[in-house]
Amino acid sequence: MEKYLEYSTDVINQLKEKYKTCDFQFRLAQSNVNISVFFVLTNSSVLSEESLWENISKEIALKYQSKLETVYEKWNLYIIYITSDITP
């Protein structure tokens, strides 16, 4: 579990540096498997620009999900996009 928190911290720091208009948070919940949840807070127009949400998803998959050990942990990774405005 601790290594996942370390991986997530690295990814969060990289995302914050690259996407300055977004705020990123991470939570790791334990059940029978680890459940990883990334939160992205920004406004809807920022997310829709150049498919930003898709780029963020790809980076999380490459830099975090690829390091998870079990198939169950890989399937229990969630990215929740929270907008500060009304999403069209």
C-alpha atoms as a PDB file:
ATOM      1  CA  MET A   1       0.000   0.000   0.000  1.00  0.00           C
ATOM      2  CA  GLU A   2       2.756   2.430   0.886  1.00  0.00           C
ATOM      3  CA  LYS A   3       4.395   2.111  -2.514  1.00  0.00           C
ATOM      4  CA  TYR A   4       1.066   2.992  -4.171  1.00  0.00           C
ATOM      5  CA  LEU A   5       0.929   6.170  -2.110  1.00  0.00           C
ATOM      6  CA  GLU A   6       4.468   6.951  -3.244  1.00  0.00           C
ATOM      7  CA  TYR A   7       3.564   6.281  -6.901  1.00  0.00           C
ATOM      8  CA  SER A   8       0.450   8.443  -6.604  1.00  0.00           C
ATOM      9  CA  THR A   9       2.394  11.325  -5.032  1.00  0.00           C
ATOM     10  CA  ASP A  10       4.811  11.303  -7.962  1.00  0.00           C
ATOM     11  CA  VAL A  11       1.969  11.236 -10.486  1.00  0.00           C
ATOM     12  CA  ILE A  12       0.014  13.983  -8.691  1.00  0.00           C
ATOM     13  CA  ASN A  13       3.086  16.222  -8.606  1.00  0.00           C
ATOM     14  CA  GLN A  14       3.732  15.670 -12.314  1.00  0.00           C
ATOM     15  CA  LEU A  15       0.093  16.368 -13.194  1.00  0.00           C
ATOM     16  CA  LYS A  16       0.007  19.541 -11.082  1.00  0.00           C
ATOM     17  CA  GLU A  17       3.133  20.791 -12.822  1.00  0.00           C
ATOM     18  CA  LYS A  18       1.807  20.035 -16.299  1.00  0.00           C
ATOM     19  CA  TYR A  19      -1.868  21.024 -15.861  1.00  0.00           C
ATOM     20  CA  LYS A  20      -1.758  24.157 -13.729  1.00  0.00           C
ATOM     21  CA  THR A  21      -5.458  24.958 -14.186  1.00  0.00           C
ATOM     22  CA  CYS A  22      -6.463  21.715 -12.460  1.00  0.00           C
ATOM     23  CA  ASP A  23      -6.250  20.572  -8.861  1.00  0.00           C
ATOM     24  CA  PHE A  24      -5.499  16.897  -8.207  1.00  0.00           C
ATOM     25  CA  GLN A  25      -6.147  14.712  -5.174  1.00  0.00           C
ATOM     26  CA  PHE A  26      -5.702  10.988  -4.516  1.00  0.00           C
ATOM     27  CA  ARG A  27      -7.280   8.517  -2.117  1.00  0.00           C
ATOM     28  CA  LEU A  28      -6.470   4.860  -1.602  1.00  0.00           C
ATOM     29  CA  ALA A  29      -9.163   2.720   0.001  1.00  0.00           C
ATOM     30  CA  GLN A  30      -8.593  -0.818   1.173  1.00  0.00           C
ATOM     31  CA  SER A  31     -11.158  -3.535   0.853  1.00  0.00           C
ATOM     32  CA  ASN A  32     -10.233  -7.021  -0.322  1.00  0.00           C
ATOM     33  CA  VAL A  33      -8.095  -5.125  -2.836  1.00  0.00           C
ATOM     34  CA  ASN A  34      -6.698  -1.608  -3.005  1.00  0.00           C
ATOM     35  CA  ILE A  35      -9.039   0.865  -4.673  1.00  0.00           C
ATOM     36  CA  SER A  36      -7.312   3.912  -6.161  1.00  0.00           C
ATOM     37  CA  VAL A  37      -9.250   7.111  -6.780  1.00  0.00           C
ATOM     38  CA  PHE A  38      -7.893  10.223  -8.475  1.00  0.00           C
ATOM     39  CA  PHE A  39      -9.906  13.443  -8.242  1.00  0.00           C
ATOM     40  CA  VAL A  40      -9.509  16.226 -10.789  1.00  0.00           C
ATOM     41  CA  LEU A  41     -11.038  19.609  -9.958  1.00  0.00           C
ATOM     42  CA  THR A  42     -11.312  22.308 -12.624  1.00  0.00           C
ATOM     43  CA  ASN A  43     -13.997  23.937 -14.740  1.00  0.00           C
ATOM     44  CA  SER A  44     -15.704  22.166 -17.614  1.00  0.00           C
ATOM     45  CA  SER A  45     -14.293  24.372 -20.374  1.00  0.00           C
ATOM     46  CA  VAL A  46     -10.742  23.491 -19.302  1.00  0.00           C
ATOM     47  CA  LEU A  47     -11.504  19.766 -19.414  1.00  0.00           C
ATOM     48  CA  SER A  48     -13.013  19.962 -22.869  1.00  0.00           C
ATOM     49  CA  GLU A  49     -10.094  21.941 -24.343  1.00  0.00           C
ATOM     50  CA  GLU A  50      -7.984  19.635 -26.476  1.00  0.00           C
ATOM     51  CA  SER A  51      -9.540  16.625 -24.735  1.00  0.00           C
ATOM     52  CA  LEU A  52      -7.644  17.434 -21.551  1.00  0.00           C
ATOM     53  CA  TRP A  53      -9.616  14.826 -19.583  1.00  0.00           C
ATOM     54  CA  GLU A  54      -8.420  12.157 -22.019  1.00  0.00           C
ATOM     55  CA  ASN A  55      -4.774  13.232 -21.721  1.00  0.00           C
ATOM     56  CA  ILE A  56      -4.996  13.153 -17.929  1.00  0.00           C
ATOM     57  CA  SER A  57      -6.550   9.667 -18.051  1.00  0.00           C
ATOM     58  CA  LYS A  58      -3.776   8.395 -20.299  1.00  0.00           C
ATOM     59  CA  GLU A  59      -1.066   9.795 -18.039  1.00  0.00           C
ATOM     60  CA  ILE A  60      -2.586   8.192 -14.955  1.00  0.00           C
ATOM     61  CA  ALA A  61      -2.835   4.868 -16.789  1.00  0.00           C
ATOM     62  CA  LEU A  62       0.767   5.046 -17.950  1.00  0.00           C
ATOM     63  CA  LYS A  63       2.386   6.408 -14.804  1.00  0.00           C
ATOM     64  CA  TYR A  64       0.266   4.835 -12.052  1.00  0.00           C
ATOM     65  CA  GLN A  65      -2.009   2.036 -13.246  1.00  0.00           C
ATOM     66  CA  SER A  66       0.843   0.247 -15.009  1.00  0.00           C
ATOM     67  CA  LYS A  67       2.606  -0.110 -11.632  1.00  0.00           C
ATOM     68  CA  LEU A  68      -0.297  -1.802  -9.856  1.00  0.00           C
ATOM     69  CA  GLU A  69       0.365  -5.429  -9.067  1.00  0.00           C
ATOM     70  CA  THR A  70      -2.887  -7.287  -9.537  1.00  0.00           C
ATOM     71  CA  VAL A  71      -5.518  -7.222 -12.242  1.00  0.00           C
ATOM     72  CA  TYR A  72      -8.103  -6.442  -9.545  1.00  0.00           C
ATOM     73  CA  GLU A  73      -6.211  -3.327  -8.488  1.00  0.00           C
ATOM     74  CA  LYS A  74      -5.828  -2.256 -12.109  1.00  0.00           C
ATOM     75  CA  TRP A  75      -9.587  -2.560 -12.669  1.00  0.00           C
ATOM     76  CA  ASN A  76     -10.360  -0.735  -9.421  1.00  0.00           C
ATOM     77  CA  LEU A  77      -8.801   2.560 -10.406  1.00  0.00           C
ATOM     78  CA  TYR A  78     -11.165   5.500 -10.751  1.00  0.00           C
ATOM     79  CA  ILE A  79     -10.772   9.059 -11.985  1.00  0.00           C
ATOM     80  CA  ILE A  80     -13.463  11.452 -10.871  1.00  0.00           C
ATOM     81  CA  TYR A  81     -13.676  14.788 -12.646  1.00  0.00           C
ATOM     82  CA  ILE A  82     -15.303  17.529 -10.574  1.00  0.00           C
ATOM     83  CA  THR A  83     -16.156  20.776 -12.286  1.00  0.00           C
ATOM     84  CA  SER A  84     -16.565  24.108 -10.531  1.00  0.00           C
ATOM     85  CA  ASP A  85     -19.222  25.241 -13.012  1.00  0.00           C
ATOM     86  CA  ILE A  86     -22.243  23.800 -14.765  1.00  0.00           C
ATOM     87  CA  THR A  87     -21.099  21.249 -17.314  1.00  0.00           C
ATOM     88  CA  PRO A  88     -22.767  21.737 -20.715  1.00  0.00           C
END
